[in-house]
Each structure stands twice: as C-alpha cells, then as structure tokens.
Amino acid sequence: MVSATLVEQGFSAQILRAFRQNQIRLVISPYIIGEYTRVVRRPHIAKKYDQVEENADAVVHLLNHRALVVQAKTVERVVPDDAKDDAILACAKEGKAQYIVSGDEHLLKLRTYRGIKILTPREFVEQVLQTK
C-alpha cells in the first residue's frame, strides 16, 4: 500500500487500481492501517512526495469503507526477525485471505502461511491479476 500511495505506476499501484475497480478483495486490520498511516507520514517521505498526505487519507478512507476490516487475533510467533509481521499473518488468517502481497523480506522468506501464498506485488500481478 505504501508504494501504491507514493508512485502511480508499478505493480503495487496496479493492485490498488484492481481493488478500486472491485476486481479483488483486500483484507486489512486496524493495526495494519495504523502502521500504513505511520509510515506514509514520516517526514522524509512527505518531503520527497507531493500530496502524500492527501493520497494516504484517500487510501485509508477506501480501506475503511471497502476492504474487509478484521480484528486479527494474536498468532503464534512466526517471524522471529520482525514481530510486527506476525500481525499481517494474523490478519490474513482471520480474513481467510488467499494471498499476502508484500515486499517485506521476512514474510517473503516464508512463501506460505497456513495455505496462504505470500507473493511480491510483481508476482501477484503476473500470477493472479493478469490471469483474470
């Protein structure tokens, strides 16, 4: 989501467009929305990208109103190098997601979690979106 907010081109932006066009469903949790907001509001990002706050506000509104927002339960510790990533796994499990799309190296190392495929944005676009 962060990449899609900052750059209108690229695989992450294609995924966000597919969501806006009701081609895919997104599962998210309040925690993940909070993390997204915290990251895009970092001062160095605001300096580098014009209108990042407006774009971020629009994305948060879209997520809150159109995504499946779940109250993710705590999961067992799966990602030893980054406990925050466990919240993403919990959200995907709770929302019965088919895919986790991320550029995070800790998540990508797993490749799957309880039958949920973990893909990069590029892999998701090429393997899922382009086959629809």
Protein backbone atom coordinates (compact mmCIF):
# COMPACT_ATOMS: atom_id res chain seq x y z
CA MET A 1 0.00 0.00 0.00
CA VAL A 2 2.79 2.42 0.79
CA SER A 3 4.33 2.02 -2.66
CA ALA A 4 0.96 2.43 -4.35
CA THR A 5 0.39 5.67 -2.43
CA LEU A 6 3.74 7.14 -3.40
CA VAL A 7 4.07 6.05 -7.03
CA GLU A 8 1.19 5.89 -9.50
CA GLN A 9 3.00 3.37 -11.70
CA GLY A 10 4.20 -0.09 -10.83
CA PHE A 11 2.84 -3.34 -9.55
CA SER A 12 1.56 -2.04 -6.20
CA ALA A 13 -0.38 0.70 -7.98
CA GLN A 14 -1.90 -1.92 -10.29
CA ILE A 15 -3.09 -3.86 -7.26
CA LEU A 16 -4.65 -0.76 -5.71
CA ARG A 17 -6.41 0.01 -9.02
CA ALA A 18 -7.74 -3.55 -9.17
CA PHE A 19 -9.13 -3.11 -5.66
CA ARG A 20 -10.74 0.21 -6.58
CA GLN A 21 -12.34 -1.50 -9.60
CA ASN A 22 -13.69 -4.35 -7.44
CA GLN A 23 -11.52 -6.95 -9.18
CA ILE A 24 -10.04 -8.12 -5.90
CA ARG A 25 -10.92 -8.01 -2.21
CA LEU A 26 -8.50 -6.68 0.38
CA VAL A 27 -8.35 -7.91 3.96
CA ILE A 28 -6.89 -5.48 6.47
CA SER A 29 -6.85 -4.81 10.19
CA PRO A 30 -6.91 -1.58 12.18
CA TYR A 31 -3.33 -2.31 13.23
CA ILE A 32 -2.15 -2.54 9.61
CA ILE A 33 -4.00 0.66 8.70
CA GLY A 34 -2.25 2.35 11.62
CA GLU A 35 1.16 1.08 10.50
CA TYR A 36 0.48 2.25 6.95
CA THR A 37 -0.50 5.71 8.20
CA ARG A 38 2.57 5.93 10.42
CA VAL A 39 4.93 5.02 7.58
CA VAL A 40 3.50 7.36 4.94
CA ARG A 41 3.54 10.28 7.37
CA ARG A 42 7.26 10.03 8.07
CA PRO A 43 8.84 13.46 7.45
CA HIS A 44 11.34 12.25 4.85
CA ILE A 45 8.50 10.75 2.80
CA ALA A 46 6.40 13.91 2.97
CA LYS A 47 9.37 15.95 1.74
CA LYS A 48 10.05 13.66 -1.18
CA TYR A 49 6.50 13.03 -2.43
CA ASP A 50 3.93 15.72 -3.19
CA GLN A 51 0.41 15.23 -1.88
CA VAL A 52 1.34 12.11 0.07
CA GLU A 53 -0.95 13.07 2.97
CA GLU A 54 -3.96 13.60 0.69
CA ASN A 55 -3.27 10.34 -1.13
CA ALA A 56 -2.83 8.49 2.16
CA ASP A 57 -6.07 9.90 3.55
CA ALA A 58 -7.90 8.73 0.41
CA VAL A 59 -6.40 5.24 0.70
CA VAL A 60 -7.30 4.98 4.40
CA HIS A 61 -10.87 6.06 3.61
CA LEU A 62 -11.06 3.48 0.82
CA LEU A 63 -9.71 0.73 3.07
CA ASN A 64 -12.06 1.55 5.92
CA HIS A 65 -15.11 1.57 3.65
CA ARG A 66 -14.42 -1.10 1.04
CA ALA A 67 -11.90 -3.58 2.42
CA LEU A 68 -12.75 -6.40 4.77
CA VAL A 69 -11.52 -4.99 8.09
CA VAL A 70 -10.88 -7.78 10.59
CA GLN A 71 -9.93 -7.73 14.24
CA ALA A 72 -6.97 -10.03 13.91
CA LYS A 73 -6.39 -12.33 16.82
CA THR A 74 -2.88 -12.83 18.11
CA VAL A 75 -0.99 -15.59 16.33
CA GLU A 76 1.92 -17.64 17.41
CA ARG A 77 5.31 -16.09 16.86
CA VAL A 78 6.14 -16.95 13.25
CA VAL A 79 8.54 -14.24 12.06
CA PRO A 80 11.43 -14.21 14.54
CA ASP A 81 13.19 -11.22 12.95
CA ASP A 82 10.16 -8.90 13.00
CA ALA A 83 7.24 -9.44 15.37
CA LYS A 84 5.20 -6.77 13.54
CA ASP A 85 4.95 -9.13 10.58
CA ASP A 86 3.01 -11.60 12.73
CA ALA A 87 0.12 -9.09 12.71
CA ILE A 88 -0.05 -9.37 8.92
CA LEU A 89 -0.19 -13.15 9.15
CA ALA A 90 -2.92 -12.95 11.79
CA CYS A 91 -4.96 -10.59 9.63
CA ALA A 92 -4.68 -12.84 6.58
CA LYS A 93 -5.66 -15.90 8.61
CA GLU A 94 -8.61 -14.17 10.28
CA GLY A 95 -9.85 -12.77 6.95
CA LYS A 96 -9.40 -16.11 5.16
CA ALA A 97 -7.15 -14.47 2.56
CA GLN A 98 -5.77 -16.45 -0.34
CA TYR A 99 -2.69 -14.25 -0.71
CA ILE A 100 -0.45 -11.96 1.28
CA VAL A 101 1.16 -9.39 -1.00
CA SER A 102 4.26 -7.78 0.41
CA GLY A 103 7.75 -6.60 -0.35
CA ASP A 104 8.85 -7.49 3.18
CA GLU A 105 11.76 -9.92 3.06
CA HIS A 106 10.81 -11.63 6.33
CA LEU A 107 7.35 -12.51 5.03
CA LEU A 108 8.58 -13.44 1.57
CA LYS A 109 11.01 -15.97 3.07
CA LEU A 110 8.01 -17.91 4.38
CA ARG A 111 6.43 -18.25 0.88
CA THR A 112 3.24 -19.62 2.50
CA TYR A 113 1.48 -19.42 5.83
CA ARG A 114 -1.29 -21.89 6.65
CA GLY A 115 -2.09 -22.32 2.97
CA ILE A 116 -1.93 -18.58 2.21
CA LYS A 117 0.54 -17.79 -0.57
CA ILE A 118 2.94 -14.93 0.12
CA LEU A 119 3.84 -13.06 -3.06
CA THR A 120 5.62 -9.89 -4.10
CA PRO A 121 3.45 -7.27 -5.82
CA ARG A 122 5.01 -8.28 -9.15
CA GLU A 123 4.25 -11.97 -8.58
CA PHE A 124 0.67 -11.17 -7.60
CA VAL A 125 0.09 -9.07 -10.72
CA GLU A 126 1.67 -11.65 -13.02
CA GLN A 127 0.19 -14.77 -11.41
CA VAL A 128 -3.22 -13.52 -10.30
CA LEU A 129 -4.31 -10.23 -11.85
CA GLN A 130 -3.11 -10.93 -15.37
CA THR A 131 -4.90 -14.27 -15.42
CA LYS A 132 -8.31 -12.75 -14.60
